[in-house]
Amino acid sequence: MVTSTLAAYREDLIVRTKTGIEFMLAATLVWFGIALIWLTPYAAYDKSVLTFMVGAVMLPLALLLSKVMGTTWKLPDNPLQPLGLWLNFAQLFYFPILVFLLLRSPEYFIMGYAIITGAHLFPYAWLYDELGYAVAAGVISLGALGIALFQPPTSVYLIPLFTAGCFLLLSGWMLTRRTWARGVGAH
């Protein structure tokens, strides 16, 4: 009985929040903006600070897209709803790594930011019963590392461009599958 109740709550979350698609679309736009920052001739430290600033647009942009797409953020009758927010807050505990990179190795800041952003997607694969989140978590994290290791420092802009592309593909995948419209989880 508990399992069926949990499954029902999760299904309700999937349908009413549309698996967080507005966040993936907002992330796509934000990361394309970040890529533009890393194409500028500014110092890596300055680009890193600007990246933080542009990243702050994420939540308001997701809220705007939520209104356009008709997604629901608050489900007072669903005890799983706060879990999405808690999973998002978890990435804040990795921000000391970003502060270290900003102050000691700003040229690697964007790699760290992309890895943290990508990795934080992983638990959403369970929450929304969407394998795309798990795949994107691994691809973004390992891809950012790979670009940093195998591309010259002048190509660091490829990291946010790659990350934006991954978010675009994830968004496309989610829009194509539209598991929330069918009312069934991705199995």
N, C-alpha and C. Protein backbone atom coordinates (compact mmCIF):
# COMPACT_ATOMS: atom_id res chain seq x y z
N MET A 1 0.82 -1.19 0.00
CA MET A 1 0.00 0.00 0.00
C MET A 1 0.87 1.26 0.00
N VAL A 2 1.95 1.26 0.81
CA VAL A 2 2.84 2.41 0.87
C VAL A 2 3.50 2.63 -0.49
N THR A 3 3.92 1.54 -1.14
CA THR A 3 4.56 1.65 -2.44
C THR A 3 3.61 2.25 -3.46
N SER A 4 2.35 1.82 -3.44
CA SER A 4 1.40 2.36 -4.41
C SER A 4 1.10 3.83 -4.12
N THR A 5 1.09 4.21 -2.85
CA THR A 5 0.89 5.62 -2.50
C THR A 5 2.07 6.46 -2.97
N LEU A 6 3.28 5.97 -2.75
CA LEU A 6 4.48 6.68 -3.21
C LEU A 6 4.45 6.82 -4.74
N ALA A 7 4.10 5.74 -5.40
CA ALA A 7 4.02 5.79 -6.87
C ALA A 7 2.96 6.79 -7.33
N ALA A 8 1.86 6.86 -6.63
CA ALA A 8 0.80 7.80 -7.00
C ALA A 8 1.26 9.25 -6.79
N TYR A 9 1.94 9.50 -5.68
CA TYR A 9 2.46 10.85 -5.44
C TYR A 9 3.50 11.23 -6.50
N ARG A 10 4.34 10.27 -6.83
CA ARG A 10 5.37 10.54 -7.84
C ARG A 10 4.73 10.79 -9.20
N GLU A 11 3.75 10.03 -9.55
CA GLU A 11 3.04 10.21 -10.82
C GLU A 11 2.38 11.58 -10.87
N ASP A 12 1.77 11.98 -9.77
CA ASP A 12 1.15 13.30 -9.66
C ASP A 12 2.20 14.40 -9.87
N LEU A 13 3.36 14.22 -9.26
CA LEU A 13 4.45 15.18 -9.41
C LEU A 13 4.90 15.28 -10.87
N ILE A 14 5.06 14.13 -11.51
CA ILE A 14 5.50 14.10 -12.92
C ILE A 14 4.52 14.86 -13.80
N VAL A 15 3.24 14.59 -13.62
CA VAL A 15 2.21 15.19 -14.48
C VAL A 15 2.07 16.68 -14.23
N ARG A 16 1.99 17.08 -12.97
CA ARG A 16 1.71 18.48 -12.65
C ARG A 16 2.91 19.40 -12.81
N THR A 17 4.12 18.87 -12.59
CA THR A 17 5.31 19.72 -12.76
C THR A 17 5.92 19.58 -14.15
N LYS A 18 5.40 18.65 -14.92
CA LYS A 18 5.92 18.37 -16.27
C LYS A 18 7.41 18.07 -16.24
N THR A 19 7.82 17.32 -15.26
CA THR A 19 9.20 16.85 -15.03
C THR A 19 10.24 17.96 -14.97
N GLY A 20 9.81 19.17 -14.64
CA GLY A 20 10.77 20.26 -14.50
C GLY A 20 11.29 20.79 -15.83
N ILE A 21 10.55 20.62 -16.89
CA ILE A 21 10.99 21.03 -18.22
C ILE A 21 11.35 22.51 -18.29
N GLU A 22 10.63 23.35 -17.56
CA GLU A 22 10.92 24.79 -17.61
C GLU A 22 12.32 25.10 -17.08
N PHE A 23 12.80 24.29 -16.14
CA PHE A 23 14.15 24.48 -15.62
C PHE A 23 15.21 24.09 -16.65
N MET A 24 14.92 23.04 -17.41
CA MET A 24 15.87 22.61 -18.44
C MET A 24 15.94 23.62 -19.57
N LEU A 25 14.80 24.18 -19.94
CA LEU A 25 14.80 25.23 -20.98
C LEU A 25 15.49 26.50 -20.48
N ALA A 26 15.24 26.87 -19.24
CA ALA A 26 15.91 28.05 -18.66
C ALA A 26 17.41 27.81 -18.58
N ALA A 27 17.81 26.60 -18.18
CA ALA A 27 19.24 26.28 -18.10
C ALA A 27 19.89 26.36 -19.48
N THR A 28 19.17 25.94 -20.50
CA THR A 28 19.71 26.04 -21.87
C THR A 28 20.04 27.49 -22.19
N LEU A 29 19.11 28.38 -21.94
CA LEU A 29 19.33 29.81 -22.24
C LEU A 29 20.44 30.40 -21.39
N VAL A 30 20.44 30.07 -20.11
CA VAL A 30 21.46 30.60 -19.20
C VAL A 30 22.85 30.13 -19.63
N TRP A 31 22.98 28.85 -19.95
CA TRP A 31 24.30 28.32 -20.32
C TRP A 31 24.77 28.85 -21.68
N PHE A 32 23.85 29.14 -22.59
CA PHE A 32 24.27 29.81 -23.83
C PHE A 32 24.78 31.22 -23.51
N GLY A 33 24.13 31.89 -22.57
CA GLY A 33 24.61 33.21 -22.12
C GLY A 33 25.99 33.11 -21.48
N ILE A 34 26.19 32.07 -20.69
CA ILE A 34 27.49 31.86 -20.05
C ILE A 34 28.56 31.60 -21.10
N ALA A 35 28.20 30.86 -22.14
CA ALA A 35 29.16 30.61 -23.23
C ALA A 35 29.60 31.92 -23.87
N LEU A 36 28.66 32.85 -24.04
CA LEU A 36 29.01 34.16 -24.61
C LEU A 36 30.01 34.89 -23.71
N ILE A 37 29.81 34.78 -22.40
CA ILE A 37 30.73 35.42 -21.45
C ILE A 37 32.14 34.87 -21.64
N TRP A 38 32.25 33.55 -21.81
CA TRP A 38 33.57 32.93 -21.90
C TRP A 38 34.21 33.11 -23.28
N LEU A 39 33.49 33.75 -24.18
CA LEU A 39 34.07 34.14 -25.48
C LEU A 39 34.68 35.54 -25.43
N THR A 40 34.44 36.27 -24.35
CA THR A 40 34.96 37.63 -24.22
C THR A 40 36.45 37.62 -23.87
N PRO A 41 37.12 38.74 -24.09
CA PRO A 41 38.56 38.79 -23.78
C PRO A 41 38.87 39.08 -22.30
N TYR A 42 37.86 39.11 -21.44
CA TYR A 42 38.08 39.40 -20.03
C TYR A 42 38.92 38.30 -19.38
N ALA A 43 39.49 38.63 -18.23
CA ALA A 43 40.26 37.66 -17.45
C ALA A 43 39.32 36.57 -16.93
N ALA A 44 39.85 35.37 -16.69
CA ALA A 44 39.04 34.24 -16.22
C ALA A 44 38.31 34.58 -14.93
N TYR A 45 38.96 35.32 -14.05
CA TYR A 45 38.31 35.72 -12.79
C TYR A 45 37.06 36.53 -13.07
N ASP A 46 37.17 37.52 -13.96
CA ASP A 46 36.03 38.37 -14.30
C ASP A 46 34.92 37.57 -14.98
N LYS A 47 35.30 36.66 -15.85
CA LYS A 47 34.30 35.80 -16.50
C LYS A 47 33.58 34.93 -15.48
N SER A 48 34.32 34.47 -14.49
CA SER A 48 33.72 33.63 -13.44
C SER A 48 32.70 34.41 -12.63
N VAL A 49 33.04 35.63 -12.27
CA VAL A 49 32.10 36.48 -11.52
C VAL A 49 30.87 36.76 -12.36
N LEU A 50 31.07 37.08 -13.63
CA LEU A 50 29.94 37.31 -14.53
C LEU A 50 29.08 36.05 -14.69
N THR A 51 29.72 34.90 -14.67
CA THR A 51 28.99 33.63 -14.76
C THR A 51 28.05 33.47 -13.56
N PHE A 52 28.54 33.79 -12.37
CA PHE A 52 27.68 33.75 -11.18
C PHE A 52 26.48 34.68 -11.36
N MET A 53 26.74 35.87 -11.89
CA MET A 53 25.67 36.85 -12.08
C MET A 53 24.62 36.34 -13.07
N VAL A 54 25.07 35.81 -14.18
CA VAL A 54 24.14 35.29 -15.19
C VAL A 54 23.38 34.08 -14.63
N GLY A 55 24.06 33.27 -13.84
CA GLY A 55 23.41 32.11 -13.23
C GLY A 55 22.24 32.50 -12.33
N ALA A 56 22.28 33.72 -11.79
CA ALA A 56 21.21 34.19 -10.92
C ALA A 56 19.90 34.41 -11.68
N VAL A 57 19.96 34.45 -12.99
CA VAL A 57 18.77 34.65 -13.82
C VAL A 57 17.97 33.35 -13.94
N MET A 58 18.57 32.25 -13.58
CA MET A 58 17.96 30.93 -13.77
C MET A 58 16.57 30.82 -13.16
N LEU A 59 16.43 31.12 -11.90
CA LEU A 59 15.15 30.94 -11.22
C LEU A 59 14.06 31.85 -11.78
N PRO A 60 14.30 33.15 -11.95
CA PRO A 60 13.24 33.98 -12.53
C PRO A 60 12.87 33.56 -13.96
N LEU A 61 13.85 33.12 -14.72
CA LEU A 61 13.58 32.65 -16.08
C LEU A 61 12.74 31.37 -16.05
N ALA A 62 13.07 30.46 -15.15
CA ALA A 62 12.28 29.23 -15.01
C ALA A 62 10.84 29.55 -14.57
N LEU A 63 10.70 30.53 -13.69
CA LEU A 63 9.36 30.94 -13.25
C LEU A 63 8.56 31.49 -14.42
N LEU A 64 9.19 32.32 -15.24
CA LEU A 64 8.52 32.86 -16.42
C LEU A 64 8.10 31.74 -17.37
N LEU A 65 9.02 30.82 -17.63
CA LEU A 65 8.71 29.69 -18.52
C LEU A 65 7.62 28.81 -17.91
N SER A 66 7.59 28.71 -16.59
CA SER A 66 6.56 27.95 -15.90
C SER A 66 5.18 28.53 -16.19
N LYS A 67 5.10 29.85 -16.18
CA LYS A 67 3.82 30.52 -16.48
C LYS A 67 3.40 30.26 -17.92
N VAL A 68 4.36 30.33 -18.83
CA VAL A 68 4.08 30.12 -20.25
C VAL A 68 3.66 28.67 -20.51
N MET A 69 4.34 27.73 -19.86
CA MET A 69 4.12 26.31 -20.12
C MET A 69 3.03 25.69 -19.24
N GLY A 70 2.57 26.43 -18.26
CA GLY A 70 1.52 25.93 -17.39
C GLY A 70 1.97 24.85 -16.43
N THR A 71 3.21 24.93 -15.96
CA THR A 71 3.68 23.96 -14.98
C THR A 71 3.33 24.46 -13.57
N THR A 72 3.32 23.52 -12.65
CA THR A 72 2.97 23.83 -11.27
C THR A 72 4.20 23.66 -10.39
N TRP A 73 4.48 24.65 -9.55
CA TRP A 73 5.62 24.58 -8.65
C TRP A 73 5.20 24.15 -7.25
N LYS A 74 4.02 24.52 -6.85
CA LYS A 74 3.58 24.22 -5.49
C LYS A 74 2.46 23.19 -5.54
N LEU A 75 2.71 22.07 -4.87
CA LEU A 75 1.73 21.00 -4.78
C LEU A 75 1.52 20.71 -3.29
N PRO A 76 0.73 21.52 -2.61
CA PRO A 76 0.60 21.37 -1.16
C PRO A 76 0.05 20.01 -0.72
N ASP A 77 -0.64 19.33 -1.62
CA ASP A 77 -1.21 18.03 -1.28
C ASP A 77 -0.29 16.87 -1.64
N ASN A 78 0.94 17.18 -2.08
CA ASN A 78 1.88 16.13 -2.48
C ASN A 78 3.15 16.24 -1.64
N PRO A 79 3.42 15.28 -0.76
CA PRO A 79 4.59 15.36 0.11
C PRO A 79 5.92 15.24 -0.63
N LEU A 80 5.92 14.81 -1.89
CA LEU A 80 7.17 14.73 -2.66
C LEU A 80 7.59 16.08 -3.24
N GLN A 81 6.67 17.01 -3.33
CA GLN A 81 6.97 18.30 -3.97
C GLN A 81 8.18 19.00 -3.36
N PRO A 82 8.32 19.08 -2.05
CA PRO A 82 9.50 19.78 -1.49
C PRO A 82 10.83 19.10 -1.82
N LEU A 83 10.79 17.82 -2.16
CA LEU A 83 12.02 17.09 -2.45
C LEU A 83 12.79 17.71 -3.61
N GLY A 84 12.09 18.16 -4.63
CA GLY A 84 12.75 18.80 -5.77
C GLY A 84 13.56 20.01 -5.33
N LEU A 85 12.99 20.81 -4.46
CA LEU A 85 13.69 21.99 -3.95
C LEU A 85 14.90 21.59 -3.11
N TRP A 86 14.74 20.57 -2.26
CA TRP A 86 15.85 20.10 -1.44
C TRP A 86 16.98 19.55 -2.29
N LEU A 87 16.63 18.83 -3.35
CA LEU A 87 17.66 18.30 -4.25
C LEU A 87 18.42 19.44 -4.93
N ASN A 88 17.72 20.50 -5.24
CA ASN A 88 18.37 21.66 -5.84
C ASN A 88 19.29 22.36 -4.84
N PHE A 89 18.83 22.49 -3.61
CA PHE A 89 19.65 23.13 -2.57
C PHE A 89 20.94 22.36 -2.32
N ALA A 90 20.93 21.07 -2.56
CA ALA A 90 22.11 20.25 -2.30
C ALA A 90 23.33 20.76 -3.06
N GLN A 91 23.12 21.29 -4.26
CA GLN A 91 24.27 21.76 -5.03
C GLN A 91 24.93 22.98 -4.40
N LEU A 92 24.22 23.69 -3.55
CA LEU A 92 24.82 24.86 -2.89
C LEU A 92 25.98 24.46 -1.98
N PHE A 93 25.94 23.22 -1.47
CA PHE A 93 27.02 22.77 -0.60
C PHE A 93 28.31 22.49 -1.37
N TYR A 94 28.22 22.49 -2.68
CA TYR A 94 29.42 22.34 -3.51
C TYR A 94 30.01 23.70 -3.90
N PHE A 95 29.31 24.78 -3.58
CA PHE A 95 29.79 26.10 -3.96
C PHE A 95 31.13 26.48 -3.33
N PRO A 96 31.51 25.96 -2.17
CA PRO A 96 32.87 26.26 -1.68
C PRO A 96 33.95 25.83 -2.68
N ILE A 97 33.68 24.78 -3.44
CA ILE A 97 34.63 24.38 -4.49
C ILE A 97 34.74 25.48 -5.52
N LEU A 98 33.60 26.08 -5.88
CA LEU A 98 33.62 27.17 -6.86
C LEU A 98 34.35 28.40 -6.32
N VAL A 99 34.16 28.68 -5.04
CA VAL A 99 34.87 29.81 -4.43
C VAL A 99 36.38 29.55 -4.48
N PHE A 100 36.78 28.33 -4.16
CA PHE A 100 38.20 27.99 -4.23
C PHE A 100 38.72 28.17 -5.66
N LEU A 101 37.99 27.65 -6.64
CA LEU A 101 38.42 27.78 -8.03
C LEU A 101 38.47 29.24 -8.45
N LEU A 102 37.48 30.01 -8.04
CA LEU A 102 37.45 31.44 -8.37
C LEU A 102 38.69 32.16 -7.83
N LEU A 103 39.05 31.85 -6.60
CA LEU A 103 40.16 32.56 -5.96
C LEU A 103 41.53 31.99 -6.30
N ARG A 104 41.62 30.69 -6.58
CA ARG A 104 42.92 30.07 -6.79
C ARG A 104 43.20 29.65 -8.24
N SER A 105 42.18 29.25 -8.96
CA SER A 105 42.35 28.80 -10.36
C SER A 105 41.14 29.18 -11.20
N PRO A 106 40.91 30.47 -11.39
CA PRO A 106 39.69 30.88 -12.09
C PRO A 106 39.55 30.33 -13.51
N GLU A 107 40.67 29.92 -14.11
CA GLU A 107 40.59 29.34 -15.45
C GLU A 107 39.87 27.99 -15.44
N TYR A 108 39.75 27.36 -14.25
CA TYR A 108 39.03 26.09 -14.13
C TYR A 108 37.65 26.25 -13.51
N PHE A 109 37.28 27.49 -13.20
CA PHE A 109 35.99 27.75 -12.58
C PHE A 109 34.83 27.20 -13.41
N ILE A 110 34.84 27.47 -14.71
CA ILE A 110 33.72 27.09 -15.56
C ILE A 110 33.59 25.56 -15.63
N MET A 111 34.71 24.87 -15.58
CA MET A 111 34.66 23.41 -15.56
C MET A 111 33.96 22.94 -14.28
N GLY A 112 34.37 23.49 -13.13
CA GLY A 112 33.77 23.11 -11.86
C GLY A 112 32.28 23.43 -11.82
N TYR A 113 31.93 24.58 -12.34
CA TYR A 113 30.53 25.01 -12.35
C TYR A 113 29.69 24.06 -13.21
N ALA A 114 30.22 23.68 -14.35
CA ALA A 114 29.50 22.76 -15.24
C ALA A 114 29.38 21.38 -14.61
N ILE A 115 30.43 20.89 -13.97
CA ILE A 115 30.38 19.57 -13.34
C ILE A 115 29.34 19.56 -12.22
N ILE A 116 29.35 20.57 -11.38
CA ILE A 116 28.38 20.65 -10.29
C ILE A 116 26.95 20.75 -10.84
N THR A 117 26.78 21.58 -11.85
CA THR A 117 25.45 21.73 -12.46
C THR A 117 24.97 20.41 -13.05
N GLY A 118 25.84 19.76 -13.79
CA GLY A 118 25.46 18.49 -14.40
C GLY A 118 25.17 17.43 -13.35
N ALA A 119 26.06 17.28 -12.40
CA ALA A 119 25.92 16.21 -11.40
C ALA A 119 24.66 16.38 -10.56
N HIS A 120 24.24 17.61 -10.32
CA HIS A 120 23.06 17.81 -9.47
C HIS A 120 21.77 17.30 -10.14
N LEU A 121 21.83 17.02 -11.44
CA LEU A 121 20.65 16.51 -12.14
C LEU A 121 20.35 15.04 -11.80
N PHE A 122 21.35 14.31 -11.36
CA PHE A 122 21.22 12.86 -11.21
C PHE A 122 20.00 12.41 -10.37
N PRO A 123 19.78 12.95 -9.17
CA PRO A 123 18.65 12.45 -8.39
C PRO A 123 17.28 12.76 -9.00
N TYR A 124 17.22 13.71 -9.90
CA TYR A 124 15.95 14.01 -10.56
C TYR A 124 15.52 12.87 -11.47
N ALA A 125 16.45 12.00 -11.85
CA ALA A 125 16.09 10.83 -12.65
C ALA A 125 15.10 9.96 -11.88
N TRP A 126 15.32 9.82 -10.58
CA TRP A 126 14.37 9.06 -9.76
C TRP A 126 13.11 9.87 -9.50
N LEU A 127 13.28 11.12 -9.09
CA LEU A 127 12.14 11.94 -8.70
C LEU A 127 11.10 12.03 -9.82
N TYR A 128 11.57 12.25 -11.04
CA TYR A 128 10.67 12.41 -12.17
C TYR A 128 10.57 11.15 -13.04
N ASP A 129 11.20 10.06 -12.60
CA ASP A 129 11.19 8.82 -13.36
C ASP A 129 11.61 9.10 -14.80
N GLU A 130 12.70 9.86 -14.94
CA GLU A 130 13.16 10.31 -16.26
C GLU A 130 14.65 10.01 -16.40
N LEU A 131 14.96 8.98 -17.18
CA LEU A 131 16.33 8.55 -17.40
C LEU A 131 17.20 9.66 -18.00
N GLY A 132 16.59 10.56 -18.75
CA GLY A 132 17.34 11.66 -19.36
C GLY A 132 18.14 12.47 -18.36
N TYR A 133 17.60 12.64 -17.16
CA TYR A 133 18.33 13.37 -16.12
C TYR A 133 19.63 12.65 -15.74
N ALA A 134 19.56 11.34 -15.59
CA ALA A 134 20.75 10.57 -15.21
C ALA A 134 21.80 10.62 -16.32
N VAL A 135 21.36 10.46 -17.54
CA VAL A 135 22.28 10.51 -18.68
C VAL A 135 22.92 11.89 -18.77
N ALA A 136 22.11 12.94 -18.68
CA ALA A 136 22.64 14.31 -18.76
C ALA A 136 23.64 14.59 -17.64
N ALA A 137 23.37 14.07 -16.44
CA ALA A 137 24.30 14.28 -15.32
C ALA A 137 25.68 13.75 -15.65
N GLY A 138 25.73 12.54 -16.17
CA GLY A 138 27.02 11.94 -16.52
C GLY A 138 27.68 12.59 -17.70
N VAL A 139 26.90 12.86 -18.73
CA VAL A 139 27.46 13.45 -19.96
C VAL A 139 28.01 14.85 -19.70
N ILE A 140 27.25 15.68 -18.99
CA ILE A 140 27.72 17.05 -18.71
C ILE A 140 28.97 17.02 -17.83
N SER A 141 28.93 16.23 -16.76
CA SER A 141 30.07 16.20 -15.84
C SER A 141 31.33 15.68 -16.50
N LEU A 142 31.22 14.55 -17.17
CA LEU A 142 32.40 13.97 -17.82
C LEU A 142 32.82 14.78 -19.05
N GLY A 143 31.85 15.33 -19.75
CA GLY A 143 32.16 16.15 -20.91
C GLY A 143 32.92 17.41 -20.53
N ALA A 144 32.49 18.07 -19.46
CA ALA A 144 33.18 19.28 -19.00
C ALA A 144 34.62 18.95 -18.60
N LEU A 145 34.80 17.84 -17.89
CA LEU A 145 36.14 17.42 -17.51
C LEU A 145 36.98 17.11 -18.76
N GLY A 146 36.40 16.39 -19.68
CA GLY A 146 37.12 16.03 -20.91
C GLY A 146 37.56 17.24 -21.71
N ILE A 147 36.67 18.20 -21.84
CA ILE A 147 37.02 19.42 -22.57
C ILE A 147 38.16 20.14 -21.87
N ALA A 148 38.07 20.25 -20.54
CA ALA A 148 39.12 20.94 -19.77
C ALA A 148 40.46 20.22 -19.90
N LEU A 149 40.43 18.90 -19.94
CA LEU A 149 41.68 18.12 -20.01
C LEU A 149 42.30 18.11 -21.40
N PHE A 150 41.47 18.08 -22.43
CA PHE A 150 41.99 17.81 -23.78
C PHE A 150 41.92 18.97 -24.75
N GLN A 151 41.38 20.10 -24.33
CA GLN A 151 41.33 21.27 -25.19
C GLN A 151 42.28 22.35 -24.64
N PRO A 152 42.80 23.18 -25.51
CA PRO A 152 43.67 24.26 -25.02
C PRO A 152 42.88 25.26 -24.19
N PRO A 153 43.54 25.96 -23.29
CA PRO A 153 42.84 26.93 -22.44
C PRO A 153 42.06 27.99 -23.23
N THR A 154 42.48 28.25 -24.44
CA THR A 154 41.75 29.23 -25.25
C THR A 154 40.38 28.71 -25.69
N SER A 155 40.14 27.43 -25.53
CA SER A 155 38.87 26.82 -25.94
C SER A 155 37.94 26.55 -24.77
N VAL A 156 38.19 27.18 -23.63
CA VAL A 156 37.39 26.92 -22.43
C VAL A 156 35.92 27.28 -22.65
N TYR A 157 35.62 28.17 -23.58
CA TYR A 157 34.23 28.53 -23.88
C TYR A 157 33.44 27.31 -24.37
N LEU A 158 34.14 26.26 -24.81
CA LEU A 158 33.46 25.06 -25.26
C LEU A 158 32.72 24.36 -24.12
N ILE A 159 33.19 24.55 -22.89
CA ILE A 159 32.54 23.90 -21.75
C ILE A 159 31.11 24.43 -21.57
N PRO A 160 30.90 25.74 -21.45
CA PRO A 160 29.50 26.19 -21.32
C PRO A 160 28.69 25.96 -22.60
N LEU A 161 29.33 26.01 -23.74
CA LEU A 161 28.61 25.74 -24.99
C LEU A 161 28.15 24.27 -25.02
N PHE A 162 29.03 23.38 -24.62
CA PHE A 162 28.69 21.96 -24.53
C PHE A 162 27.57 21.74 -23.52
N THR A 163 27.67 22.40 -22.37
CA THR A 163 26.65 22.26 -21.32
C THR A 163 25.30 22.76 -21.82
N ALA A 164 25.29 23.90 -22.50
CA ALA A 164 24.04 24.43 -23.06
C ALA A 164 23.47 23.45 -24.08
N GLY A 165 24.33 22.88 -24.91
CA GLY A 165 23.88 21.91 -25.90
C GLY A 165 23.27 20.68 -25.25
N CYS A 166 23.87 20.24 -24.15
CA CYS A 166 23.32 19.09 -23.42
C CYS A 166 21.94 19.41 -22.84
N PHE A 167 21.80 20.61 -22.28
CA PHE A 167 20.50 21.01 -21.75
C PHE A 167 19.47 21.13 -22.88
N LEU A 168 19.90 21.60 -24.03
CA LEU A 168 19.00 21.69 -25.18
C LEU A 168 18.54 20.30 -25.61
N LEU A 169 19.48 19.36 -25.67
CA LEU A 169 19.12 17.98 -26.03
C LEU A 169 18.20 17.35 -24.98
N LEU A 170 18.49 17.58 -23.71
CA LEU A 170 17.63 17.05 -22.65
C LEU A 170 16.23 17.65 -22.76
N SER A 171 16.15 18.94 -23.00
CA SER A 171 14.85 19.59 -23.16
C SER A 171 14.09 19.00 -24.34
N GLY A 172 14.79 18.83 -25.45
CA GLY A 172 14.17 18.23 -26.63
C GLY A 172 13.68 16.82 -26.35
N TRP A 173 14.51 16.05 -25.66
CA TRP A 173 14.14 14.68 -25.28
C TRP A 173 12.87 14.69 -24.44
N MET A 174 12.85 15.58 -23.44
CA MET A 174 11.70 15.63 -22.54
C MET A 174 10.45 16.11 -23.26
N LEU A 175 10.60 17.08 -24.15
CA LEU A 175 9.45 17.57 -24.90
C LEU A 175 8.93 16.52 -25.87
N THR A 176 9.83 15.76 -26.44
CA THR A 176 9.44 14.70 -27.38
C THR A 176 8.69 13.58 -26.65
N ARG A 177 9.22 13.19 -25.50
CA ARG A 177 8.61 12.09 -24.74
C ARG A 177 7.33 12.52 -24.05
N ARG A 178 7.30 13.73 -23.55
CA ARG A 178 6.13 14.30 -22.88
C ARG A 178 5.44 13.30 -21.97
N THR A 179 6.23 12.70 -21.09
CA THR A 179 5.66 11.70 -20.17
C THR A 179 4.56 12.31 -19.31
N TRP A 180 4.65 13.59 -19.02
CA TRP A 180 3.63 14.22 -18.19
C TRP A 180 2.29 14.32 -18.92
N ALA A 181 2.32 14.45 -20.25
CA ALA A 181 1.08 14.58 -21.01
C ALA A 181 0.33 13.24 -21.07
N ARG A 182 1.08 12.16 -21.09
CA ARG A 182 0.47 10.84 -21.13
C ARG A 182 0.05 10.40 -19.74
N GLY A 183 0.63 11.07 -18.73
CA GLY A 183 0.30 10.70 -17.36
C GLY A 183 0.97 9.42 -16.90
N VAL A 184 2.06 9.05 -17.58
CA VAL A 184 2.79 7.86 -17.15
C VAL A 184 4.26 8.20 -17.03
N GLY A 185 4.93 7.53 -16.13
CA GLY A 185 6.36 7.75 -15.95
C GLY A 185 7.15 7.08 -17.06
N ALA A 186 8.41 7.48 -17.20
CA ALA A 186 9.31 6.89 -18.19
C ALA A 186 9.86 5.60 -17.61
N HIS A 187 9.56 4.49 -18.23
CA HIS A 187 10.02 3.21 -17.69
C HIS A 187 10.98 2.54 -18.61
